[in-house]
Protein backbone atom coordinates (compact mmCIF):
# COMPACT_ATOMS: atom_id res chain seq x y z
CA MET A 1 0.00 0.00 0.00
CA ALA A 2 1.35 3.45 -0.96
CA ILE A 3 2.35 5.94 1.75
CA ARG A 4 -0.09 8.86 1.44
CA LEU A 5 1.39 12.34 1.78
CA VAL A 6 0.21 15.95 2.07
CA LEU A 7 2.91 18.44 1.09
CA ALA A 8 2.94 22.13 2.01
CA ASP A 9 5.47 24.75 0.93
CA ASP A 10 4.95 28.30 -0.30
CA HIS A 11 7.58 27.88 -3.05
CA PRO A 12 6.07 26.09 -6.09
CA LEU A 13 9.50 24.96 -7.25
CA ILE A 14 10.04 23.05 -3.97
CA LEU A 15 6.57 21.52 -4.20
CA VAL A 16 7.33 20.20 -7.71
CA ALA A 17 10.69 18.82 -6.52
CA LEU A 18 9.04 17.08 -3.56
CA ALA A 19 6.37 15.56 -5.79
CA HIS A 20 9.12 14.09 -8.02
CA LEU A 21 10.96 12.69 -4.99
CA PHE A 22 7.83 11.06 -3.58
CA CYS A 23 6.83 9.34 -6.79
CA PRO A 24 4.60 6.23 -7.02
CA ALA A 25 7.59 4.15 -8.08
CA GLU A 26 9.07 4.75 -4.61
CA GLY A 27 5.84 3.67 -2.92
CA PHE A 28 4.36 7.14 -2.25
CA GLU A 29 1.16 8.90 -3.19
CA VAL A 30 0.90 12.71 -2.95
CA VAL A 31 -2.78 13.32 -2.19
CA ALA A 32 -2.42 17.11 -1.89
CA ALA A 33 0.25 19.73 -2.62
CA CYS A 34 -0.44 23.01 -0.82
CA THR A 35 1.14 26.44 -1.10
CA GLY A 36 0.02 27.74 2.28
CA GLY A 37 -0.80 26.75 5.84
CA VAL A 38 -4.55 27.27 5.60
CA GLU A 39 -4.73 25.00 2.56
CA ALA A 40 -2.53 22.42 4.31
CA LEU A 41 -4.79 22.46 7.36
CA LYS A 42 -7.86 21.70 5.24
CA ALA A 43 -6.04 19.01 3.23
CA ALA A 44 -4.80 17.25 6.39
CA ARG A 45 -8.31 17.11 7.82
CA GLN A 46 -9.86 16.02 4.54
CA HIS A 47 -7.34 13.42 3.36
CA ARG A 48 -5.94 12.20 6.72
CA PRO A 49 -2.56 11.31 5.20
CA ASP A 50 0.02 8.97 6.63
CA VAL A 51 2.58 11.80 6.74
CA LEU A 52 2.11 15.56 6.64
CA ILE A 53 5.16 17.47 5.37
CA LEU A 54 5.12 21.18 6.28
CA ASP A 55 7.38 24.11 5.59
CA LEU A 56 8.23 25.81 8.87
CA GLU A 57 7.76 29.33 7.48
CA MET A 58 4.80 30.09 5.24
CA PRO A 59 2.71 33.23 4.83
CA GLY A 60 -0.38 33.35 7.00
CA LYS A 61 0.08 30.07 8.84
CA GLY A 62 3.48 28.50 9.25
CA GLY A 63 4.14 24.86 9.98
CA LEU A 64 3.92 25.23 13.78
CA ASP A 65 0.67 27.22 13.44
CA VAL A 66 -0.87 24.36 11.46
CA LEU A 67 0.30 21.80 14.03
CA ARG A 68 -1.11 23.83 16.92
CA GLU A 69 -4.55 23.77 15.29
CA LEU A 70 -4.31 20.08 14.44
CA ALA A 71 -3.22 19.15 17.98
CA GLY A 72 -6.82 18.81 19.17
CA ASP A 73 -7.90 16.71 16.19
CA LYS A 74 -5.86 13.66 17.22
CA LEU A 75 -5.34 12.62 13.60
CA PRO A 76 -3.38 9.36 13.17
CA MET A 77 -0.61 10.83 11.05
CA ARG A 78 3.08 11.59 11.33
CA THR A 79 4.49 15.05 10.72
CA VAL A 80 7.76 16.30 9.21
CA LEU A 81 8.98 19.91 9.18
CA LEU A 82 11.06 21.43 6.37
CA ALA A 83 13.15 24.42 7.40
CA THR A 84 15.84 26.70 6.10
CA ALA A 85 16.92 27.05 9.74
CA ILE A 86 15.31 26.26 13.07
CA GLY A 87 16.04 27.64 16.53
CA GLU A 88 16.04 25.87 19.89
CA LYS A 89 12.68 27.34 20.93
CA GLU A 90 11.02 26.24 17.70
CA MET A 91 12.61 22.81 17.98
CA LEU A 92 11.27 22.33 21.50
CA GLU A 93 7.77 23.38 20.47
CA ALA A 94 7.90 21.13 17.38
CA VAL A 95 8.81 18.09 19.49
CA GLY A 96 6.10 19.02 21.98
CA LEU A 97 3.57 19.12 19.15
CA GLY A 98 4.53 15.61 18.08
CA VAL A 99 6.77 16.36 15.10
CA GLY A 100 8.68 13.23 14.21
CA GLY A 101 11.17 14.69 11.78
CA VAL A 102 12.93 17.96 11.00
CA VAL A 103 14.86 18.30 7.74
CA LEU A 104 16.92 21.31 6.76
CA LYS A 105 16.63 22.37 3.13
CA GLU A 106 20.41 22.41 2.81
CA MET A 107 20.50 18.61 3.21
CA PRO A 108 20.61 16.19 0.27
CA ALA A 109 17.26 15.52 -1.38
CA SER A 110 17.40 11.86 -0.42
CA SER A 111 17.37 12.89 3.27
CA ILE A 112 13.70 13.79 3.29
CA VAL A 113 12.68 10.50 1.69
CA LEU A 114 14.67 8.57 4.28
CA CYS A 115 13.25 10.82 7.01
CA VAL A 116 9.66 10.07 6.01
CA ARG A 117 10.30 6.33 6.04
CA LYS A 118 11.96 6.49 9.45
CA VAL A 119 9.24 8.70 10.96
CA LEU A 120 6.51 6.45 9.61
CA ALA A 121 8.29 3.53 11.33
CA GLY A 122 8.17 5.46 14.61
CA GLU A 123 11.80 6.60 14.65
CA PRO A 124 12.64 10.31 15.26
CA TRP A 125 14.65 12.21 12.68
CA LEU A 126 15.79 15.59 13.99
CA GLU A 127 18.33 18.12 12.81
CA MET A 128 21.10 17.33 15.29
CA ARG A 129 22.62 20.73 15.94
CA SER A 130 19.39 22.46 16.89
CA ALA A 131 18.05 19.37 18.63
CA SER A 132 21.17 19.05 20.79
CA ARG A 133 21.10 22.71 21.82
CA ALA A 134 17.38 22.56 22.55
CA LEU A 135 17.76 19.38 24.58
CA GLY A 136 20.64 20.90 26.55
CA LYS A 137 18.61 24.01 27.40
CA LEU A 138 15.63 21.88 28.40
CA MET A 139 17.77 19.75 30.70
CA GLN A 140 19.35 22.86 32.28
CA ARG A 141 15.90 24.38 32.82
CA GLU A 142 14.51 21.24 34.44
CA ARG A 143 17.64 20.74 36.55
CA GLY A 144 17.49 24.38 37.67
CA ALA A 145 13.82 24.01 38.60
CA ARG A 146 14.52 20.88 40.63
CA GLU A 147 17.46 22.52 42.41
CA ALA A 148 15.42 25.64 43.22
CA ALA A 149 12.58 23.50 44.58
CA GLY A 150 15.05 21.55 46.75
CA VAL A 151 16.57 24.74 48.17
CA LEU A 152 13.16 26.17 48.97
CA THR A 153 12.18 22.95 50.73
CA ILE A 154 15.33 23.07 52.89
CA LEU A 155 14.84 26.75 53.72
CA VAL A 156 11.25 26.16 54.81
CA ARG A 157 12.37 23.33 57.10
CA ILE A 158 15.24 25.34 58.65
CA HIS A 159 13.46 28.69 58.86
CA PRO A 160 9.75 28.12 59.33
CA MET A 161 7.65 31.23 58.88
CA ARG A 162 6.87 33.11 62.09
CA VAL A 163 4.30 35.86 62.42
CA ALA A 164 5.44 38.64 64.76
CA PRO A 165 2.77 40.26 67.00
CA VAL A 166 1.68 43.69 65.81
CA ARG A 167 1.35 46.54 68.33
CA VAL A 168 -1.60 48.79 67.60
CA LEU A 169 -1.25 52.35 69.01
CA PRO A 170 -4.10 54.75 69.78
CA VAL A 171 -4.44 57.62 67.32
CA ARG A 172 -3.14 60.29 69.81
CA ALA A 173 -0.20 58.14 70.82
CA TYR A 174 0.75 57.47 67.22
CA GLY A 175 2.32 60.89 66.60
CA ALA A 176 4.28 60.80 69.83
CA ALA A 177 5.56 57.31 69.01
CA ARG A 178 6.80 58.50 65.65
CA ARG A 179 8.72 61.39 67.26
CA ARG A 180 10.19 59.30 70.12
CA PRO A 181 13.04 56.98 69.15
CA LEU A 182 12.42 53.39 70.10
CA ALA A 183 15.06 51.67 72.21
CA ARG A 184 16.42 48.39 70.94
CA PRO A 185 16.15 45.56 73.48
CA CYS A 186 19.52 44.66 74.97
CA PRO A 187 20.52 41.09 74.13
CA LEU A 188 22.36 40.81 77.48
CA ARG A 189 19.52 41.94 79.74
CA PRO A 190 17.77 39.00 81.42
CA PRO A 191 13.97 38.79 81.56
CA GLY A 192 12.51 41.17 84.16
CA GLY A 193 14.55 44.23 83.17
CA SER A 194 17.49 43.84 85.61
CA ARG A 195 20.51 46.05 84.75
CA ARG A 196 23.10 44.22 86.88
CA HIS A 197 25.00 43.28 83.75
CA GLY A 198 25.92 46.96 83.19
CA CYS A 199 23.49 47.99 80.46
CA PRO A 200 22.87 51.78 80.72
CA ALA A 201 19.34 52.93 81.42
CA ARG A 202 17.07 53.89 78.56
CA GLY A 203 17.63 57.53 77.60
CA SER A 204 21.31 57.50 78.63
CA SER A 205 23.74 59.17 76.28
CA SER A 206 25.81 56.00 76.04
CA ARG A 207 25.13 53.86 72.99
CA THR A 208 27.01 50.77 74.02
CA CYS A 209 23.77 48.78 74.00
CA GLY A 210 20.07 49.17 74.58
CA SER A 211 19.68 52.83 73.56
CA ALA A 212 18.35 53.89 70.17
């Protein structure tokens, strides 16, 4: 049985070249050749191909835009992206949307045919440079999130949150409290206010401890 394909690229020359590559003699059948994302979206829903081949950048709807809209349809098809170049962010999103293959247009023409066969068999085919960088960033992000969560857990255990009591002043006393400096409690004074340890009285000119 022939492998049914929907092709989408906004350059007619590339579409013709792809149609020649995926000829019936090689076991393929091109059921639709589209020059835009909107057309590709309709063709994918209508024909339900085995593999959908999308250009990453097309006017109106690019390849990722089409895949976002198809994500809820749960169509039983594989997807391959064609790209002049692809960044780490786009690569991560493409993999998240279920893309099985990414082929750069600078690669040999035979690469995309091999890619489609591999993807249809359930094997990923990704452009290694972008995929490696994207995977590295994803691993760093997840590792950083795990480390941050671990640190927060330790901090909460060591320093549990404490709510300090709030002193509410009467309205008339509020102004006087703002004008009067507040004395810091002496760390050496024992409970009960004894000054036997040598702490000067509040209001003293000495600032060795206790006074504001």
